[in-house]
Amino acid sequence: MTGDEERKGDAQRRGATRDRAALARLPTEAGLCATCAHLELVASRRSVFARCALSDRDPRFPRYPPLPVLRCAGYRRLPGTESARPGLEGAGAGGEEKG
């Protein structure tokens, strides 16, 4: 089993999804995470949490960052998504390392 397959299996076991529809259930706006390729949403019947998959490989990134994330060194926009807020995507080049 490759590392990617192992991480995918771990994500499925904890109820993680990449289905962006669950973003509407977050108690606050996600900021950059809403359009980030590293976002995993962990959902139960009553709760949804934004999880940073980059935290699996890089300890600088918190597993569950405080939302909204406005700056992130690891931000990578998911192809086909629009910026959560105009002007934020450039903020990924530095600043706080959350995501």
N, C-alpha and C. Protein backbone atom coordinates (compact mmCIF):
# COMPACT_ATOMS: atom_id res chain seq x y z
N MET A 1 0.85 -1.17 0.00
CA MET A 1 0.00 0.00 0.00
C MET A 1 0.89 1.24 0.00
N THR A 2 0.59 2.20 -0.88
CA THR A 2 1.39 3.42 -0.95
C THR A 2 0.96 4.38 0.15
N GLY A 3 1.77 5.40 0.37
CA GLY A 3 1.45 6.40 1.39
C GLY A 3 0.13 7.10 1.11
N ASP A 4 -0.13 7.42 -0.18
CA ASP A 4 -1.38 8.09 -0.54
C ASP A 4 -2.57 7.19 -0.26
N GLU A 5 -2.45 5.90 -0.58
CA GLU A 5 -3.55 4.96 -0.33
C GLU A 5 -3.80 4.82 1.17
N GLU A 6 -2.72 4.80 1.95
CA GLU A 6 -2.84 4.67 3.40
C GLU A 6 -3.54 5.88 3.99
N ARG A 7 -3.15 7.09 3.53
CA ARG A 7 -3.78 8.32 4.02
C ARG A 7 -5.25 8.35 3.63
N LYS A 8 -5.57 7.90 2.42
CA LYS A 8 -6.96 7.88 1.97
C LYS A 8 -7.78 6.95 2.85
N GLY A 9 -7.24 5.79 3.20
CA GLY A 9 -7.91 4.85 4.08
C GLY A 9 -8.14 5.44 5.46
N ASP A 10 -7.13 6.16 5.98
CA ASP A 10 -7.27 6.82 7.29
C ASP A 10 -8.37 7.86 7.25
N ALA A 11 -8.42 8.63 6.16
CA ALA A 11 -9.44 9.67 6.02
C ALA A 11 -10.83 9.06 6.00
N GLN A 12 -11.00 7.97 5.30
CA GLN A 12 -12.31 7.33 5.24
C GLN A 12 -12.72 6.79 6.60
N ARG A 13 -11.79 6.24 7.36
CA ARG A 13 -12.11 5.70 8.68
C ARG A 13 -12.58 6.79 9.64
N ARG A 14 -12.05 8.00 9.53
CA ARG A 14 -12.46 9.06 10.46
C ARG A 14 -13.65 9.86 9.92
N GLY A 15 -14.25 9.44 8.83
CA GLY A 15 -15.43 10.12 8.30
C GLY A 15 -15.11 11.35 7.47
N ALA A 16 -13.88 11.46 7.00
CA ALA A 16 -13.48 12.63 6.22
C ALA A 16 -14.01 12.54 4.80
N THR A 17 -14.31 13.69 4.25
CA THR A 17 -14.81 13.77 2.89
C THR A 17 -14.21 15.00 2.22
N ARG A 18 -14.17 15.00 0.93
CA ARG A 18 -13.76 16.19 0.19
C ARG A 18 -14.96 16.83 -0.49
N ASP A 19 -16.16 16.38 -0.12
CA ASP A 19 -17.40 16.93 -0.65
C ASP A 19 -17.60 18.34 -0.09
N ARG A 20 -17.45 19.33 -0.94
CA ARG A 20 -17.51 20.73 -0.51
C ARG A 20 -18.90 21.16 -0.02
N ALA A 21 -19.92 20.36 -0.26
CA ALA A 21 -21.27 20.71 0.21
C ALA A 21 -21.30 20.81 1.73
N ALA A 22 -20.46 20.07 2.42
CA ALA A 22 -20.43 20.11 3.89
C ALA A 22 -19.91 21.44 4.42
N LEU A 23 -19.27 22.26 3.57
CA LEU A 23 -18.78 23.57 4.01
C LEU A 23 -19.91 24.43 4.55
N ALA A 24 -21.09 24.28 4.00
CA ALA A 24 -22.23 25.09 4.44
C ALA A 24 -22.62 24.79 5.88
N ARG A 25 -22.23 23.64 6.39
CA ARG A 25 -22.56 23.26 7.77
C ARG A 25 -21.53 23.73 8.79
N LEU A 26 -20.41 24.30 8.34
CA LEU A 26 -19.42 24.81 9.28
C LEU A 26 -20.01 25.98 10.06
N PRO A 27 -19.67 26.12 11.34
CA PRO A 27 -20.24 27.20 12.14
C PRO A 27 -19.69 28.58 11.79
N THR A 28 -18.61 28.65 11.03
CA THR A 28 -18.02 29.92 10.63
C THR A 28 -17.45 29.77 9.22
N GLU A 29 -17.13 30.87 8.58
CA GLU A 29 -16.54 30.84 7.26
C GLU A 29 -15.15 30.19 7.33
N ALA A 30 -14.80 29.41 6.32
CA ALA A 30 -13.53 28.67 6.34
C ALA A 30 -12.35 29.50 5.84
N GLY A 31 -12.58 30.60 5.18
CA GLY A 31 -11.49 31.39 4.63
C GLY A 31 -10.80 30.64 3.49
N LEU A 32 -9.47 30.64 3.50
CA LEU A 32 -8.70 29.98 2.45
C LEU A 32 -8.98 28.48 2.36
N CYS A 33 -9.28 27.87 3.49
CA CYS A 33 -9.53 26.43 3.50
C CYS A 33 -10.65 26.03 2.55
N ALA A 34 -11.62 26.91 2.34
CA ALA A 34 -12.78 26.59 1.50
C ALA A 34 -12.38 26.21 0.08
N THR A 35 -11.27 26.75 -0.39
CA THR A 35 -10.84 26.46 -1.76
C THR A 35 -9.48 25.75 -1.83
N CYS A 36 -9.01 25.27 -0.69
CA CYS A 36 -7.69 24.64 -0.63
C CYS A 36 -7.74 23.15 -1.00
N ALA A 37 -6.76 22.71 -1.73
CA ALA A 37 -6.67 21.30 -2.14
C ALA A 37 -6.42 20.38 -0.96
N HIS A 38 -5.93 20.90 0.15
CA HIS A 38 -5.61 20.07 1.32
C HIS A 38 -6.78 19.88 2.28
N LEU A 39 -7.91 20.54 2.02
CA LEU A 39 -9.05 20.47 2.92
C LEU A 39 -9.71 19.10 2.91
N GLU A 40 -9.96 18.59 4.11
CA GLU A 40 -10.82 17.43 4.31
C GLU A 40 -11.88 17.88 5.29
N LEU A 41 -13.11 17.51 5.05
CA LEU A 41 -14.18 17.84 5.97
C LEU A 41 -14.54 16.59 6.74
N VAL A 42 -14.50 16.67 8.05
CA VAL A 42 -14.84 15.55 8.92
C VAL A 42 -16.24 15.83 9.45
N ALA A 43 -17.18 14.99 9.08
CA ALA A 43 -18.59 15.25 9.41
C ALA A 43 -19.23 14.11 10.17
N SER A 44 -20.05 14.49 11.12
CA SER A 44 -20.92 13.55 11.82
C SER A 44 -22.35 14.06 11.59
N ARG A 45 -23.30 13.46 12.25
CA ARG A 45 -24.67 13.94 12.09
C ARG A 45 -24.83 15.38 12.54
N ARG A 46 -24.12 15.77 13.60
CA ARG A 46 -24.32 17.09 14.19
C ARG A 46 -23.20 18.10 13.96
N SER A 47 -22.03 17.64 13.56
CA SER A 47 -20.88 18.55 13.48
C SER A 47 -20.10 18.37 12.19
N VAL A 48 -19.40 19.42 11.81
CA VAL A 48 -18.47 19.39 10.68
C VAL A 48 -17.22 20.13 11.11
N PHE A 49 -16.07 19.55 10.81
CA PHE A 49 -14.79 20.16 11.14
C PHE A 49 -13.93 20.23 9.88
N ALA A 50 -13.19 21.33 9.73
CA ALA A 50 -12.25 21.48 8.62
C ALA A 50 -10.91 20.92 9.07
N ARG A 51 -10.43 19.90 8.36
CA ARG A 51 -9.17 19.24 8.69
C ARG A 51 -8.16 19.50 7.58
N CYS A 52 -6.94 19.82 7.96
CA CYS A 52 -5.87 20.07 6.99
C CYS A 52 -5.10 18.77 6.75
N ALA A 53 -5.23 18.20 5.55
CA ALA A 53 -4.52 16.96 5.22
C ALA A 53 -3.01 17.18 5.14
N LEU A 54 -2.59 18.41 4.93
CA LEU A 54 -1.16 18.72 4.89
C LEU A 54 -0.52 18.44 6.25
N SER A 55 -1.30 18.49 7.32
CA SER A 55 -0.76 18.22 8.66
C SER A 55 -0.27 16.78 8.80
N ASP A 56 -0.72 15.87 7.94
CA ASP A 56 -0.24 14.49 7.97
C ASP A 56 1.24 14.38 7.59
N ARG A 57 1.69 15.33 6.77
CA ARG A 57 3.06 15.27 6.25
C ARG A 57 3.97 16.36 6.80
N ASP A 58 3.38 17.42 7.33
CA ASP A 58 4.18 18.56 7.76
C ASP A 58 3.67 19.07 9.11
N PRO A 59 4.46 18.92 10.17
CA PRO A 59 4.00 19.30 11.51
C PRO A 59 3.79 20.80 11.70
N ARG A 60 4.22 21.62 10.75
CA ARG A 60 4.00 23.07 10.88
C ARG A 60 2.53 23.44 10.74
N PHE A 61 1.73 22.55 10.17
CA PHE A 61 0.33 22.85 9.91
C PHE A 61 -0.57 22.15 10.92
N PRO A 62 -1.46 22.91 11.57
CA PRO A 62 -2.35 22.29 12.56
C PRO A 62 -3.38 21.38 11.89
N ARG A 63 -3.70 20.30 12.55
CA ARG A 63 -4.66 19.34 11.99
C ARG A 63 -6.03 20.00 11.81
N TYR A 64 -6.49 20.74 12.81
CA TYR A 64 -7.77 21.45 12.75
C TYR A 64 -7.50 22.93 13.00
N PRO A 65 -7.21 23.70 11.95
CA PRO A 65 -6.85 25.10 12.14
C PRO A 65 -8.04 25.95 12.59
N PRO A 66 -7.79 26.97 13.39
CA PRO A 66 -8.86 27.90 13.76
C PRO A 66 -9.37 28.61 12.50
N LEU A 67 -10.66 28.68 12.37
CA LEU A 67 -11.26 29.31 11.19
C LEU A 67 -11.75 30.71 11.52
N PRO A 68 -11.74 31.61 10.56
CA PRO A 68 -11.31 31.45 9.18
C PRO A 68 -9.79 31.57 9.05
N VAL A 69 -9.21 30.81 8.13
CA VAL A 69 -7.79 30.90 7.84
C VAL A 69 -7.60 31.99 6.78
N LEU A 70 -6.83 33.01 7.13
CA LEU A 70 -6.63 34.14 6.22
C LEU A 70 -5.27 34.13 5.55
N ARG A 71 -4.31 33.43 6.15
CA ARG A 71 -2.96 33.29 5.58
C ARG A 71 -2.50 31.86 5.81
N CYS A 72 -1.86 31.29 4.79
CA CYS A 72 -1.36 29.93 4.94
C CYS A 72 -0.24 29.66 3.95
N ALA A 73 0.91 29.26 4.45
CA ALA A 73 2.06 28.97 3.60
C ALA A 73 1.83 27.72 2.75
N GLY A 74 0.93 26.85 3.16
CA GLY A 74 0.68 25.62 2.42
C GLY A 74 -0.52 25.67 1.50
N TYR A 75 -1.18 26.83 1.42
CA TYR A 75 -2.38 26.95 0.59
C TYR A 75 -2.11 26.61 -0.87
N ARG A 76 -2.95 25.75 -1.41
CA ARG A 76 -2.90 25.42 -2.83
C ARG A 76 -4.35 25.35 -3.31
N ARG A 77 -4.72 26.29 -4.18
CA ARG A 77 -6.11 26.34 -4.62
C ARG A 77 -6.48 25.11 -5.42
N LEU A 78 -7.61 24.54 -5.07
CA LEU A 78 -8.15 23.38 -5.77
C LEU A 78 -8.58 23.81 -7.16
N PRO A 79 -8.11 23.14 -8.21
CA PRO A 79 -8.53 23.52 -9.56
C PRO A 79 -10.05 23.50 -9.69
N GLY A 80 -10.58 24.50 -10.37
CA GLY A 80 -12.02 24.57 -10.58
C GLY A 80 -12.77 25.29 -9.49
N THR A 81 -12.07 25.82 -8.49
CA THR A 81 -12.73 26.59 -7.44
C THR A 81 -12.35 28.05 -7.57
N GLU A 82 -13.22 28.90 -7.11
CA GLU A 82 -12.92 30.33 -7.10
C GLU A 82 -12.41 30.70 -5.71
N SER A 83 -11.66 31.76 -5.64
CA SER A 83 -11.14 32.22 -4.37
C SER A 83 -12.28 32.46 -3.39
N ALA A 84 -12.08 32.07 -2.13
CA ALA A 84 -13.09 32.28 -1.10
C ALA A 84 -13.38 33.77 -0.94
N ARG A 85 -12.36 34.56 -1.01
CA ARG A 85 -12.48 36.02 -0.96
C ARG A 85 -11.43 36.60 -1.90
N PRO A 86 -11.81 37.50 -2.77
CA PRO A 86 -10.82 38.10 -3.67
C PRO A 86 -9.67 38.70 -2.88
N GLY A 87 -8.46 38.45 -3.34
CA GLY A 87 -7.28 39.01 -2.70
C GLY A 87 -6.65 38.10 -1.66
N LEU A 88 -7.32 37.05 -1.24
CA LEU A 88 -6.76 36.18 -0.22
C LEU A 88 -5.75 35.19 -0.78
N GLU A 89 -5.93 34.75 -2.03
CA GLU A 89 -5.06 33.69 -2.51
C GLU A 89 -3.58 34.05 -2.48
N GLY A 90 -3.25 35.33 -2.67
CA GLY A 90 -1.87 35.77 -2.61
C GLY A 90 -1.31 35.70 -1.21
N ALA A 91 -2.17 35.62 -0.22
CA ALA A 91 -1.74 35.57 1.17
C ALA A 91 -1.07 34.24 1.52
N GLY A 92 -1.21 33.25 0.67
CA GLY A 92 -0.63 31.94 0.95
C GLY A 92 0.88 31.91 0.89
N ALA A 93 1.51 32.97 0.42
CA ALA A 93 2.96 32.98 0.26
C ALA A 93 3.70 33.12 1.57
N GLY A 94 3.04 33.52 2.62
CA GLY A 94 3.75 33.68 3.88
C GLY A 94 2.78 33.94 5.00
N GLY A 95 3.31 34.44 6.10
CA GLY A 95 2.44 34.74 7.23
C GLY A 95 2.20 33.52 8.08
N GLU A 96 1.04 33.48 8.71
CA GLU A 96 0.72 32.36 9.60
C GLU A 96 0.67 31.06 8.82
N GLU A 97 1.13 30.01 9.42
CA GLU A 97 1.16 28.71 8.75
C GLU A 97 0.01 27.87 9.24
N LYS A 98 -1.15 28.15 8.72
CA LYS A 98 -2.36 27.40 9.07
C LYS A 98 -2.98 26.92 7.78
N GLY A 99 -3.74 25.84 7.85
CA GLY A 99 -4.36 25.48 6.61
C GLY A 99 -5.02 24.22 6.59
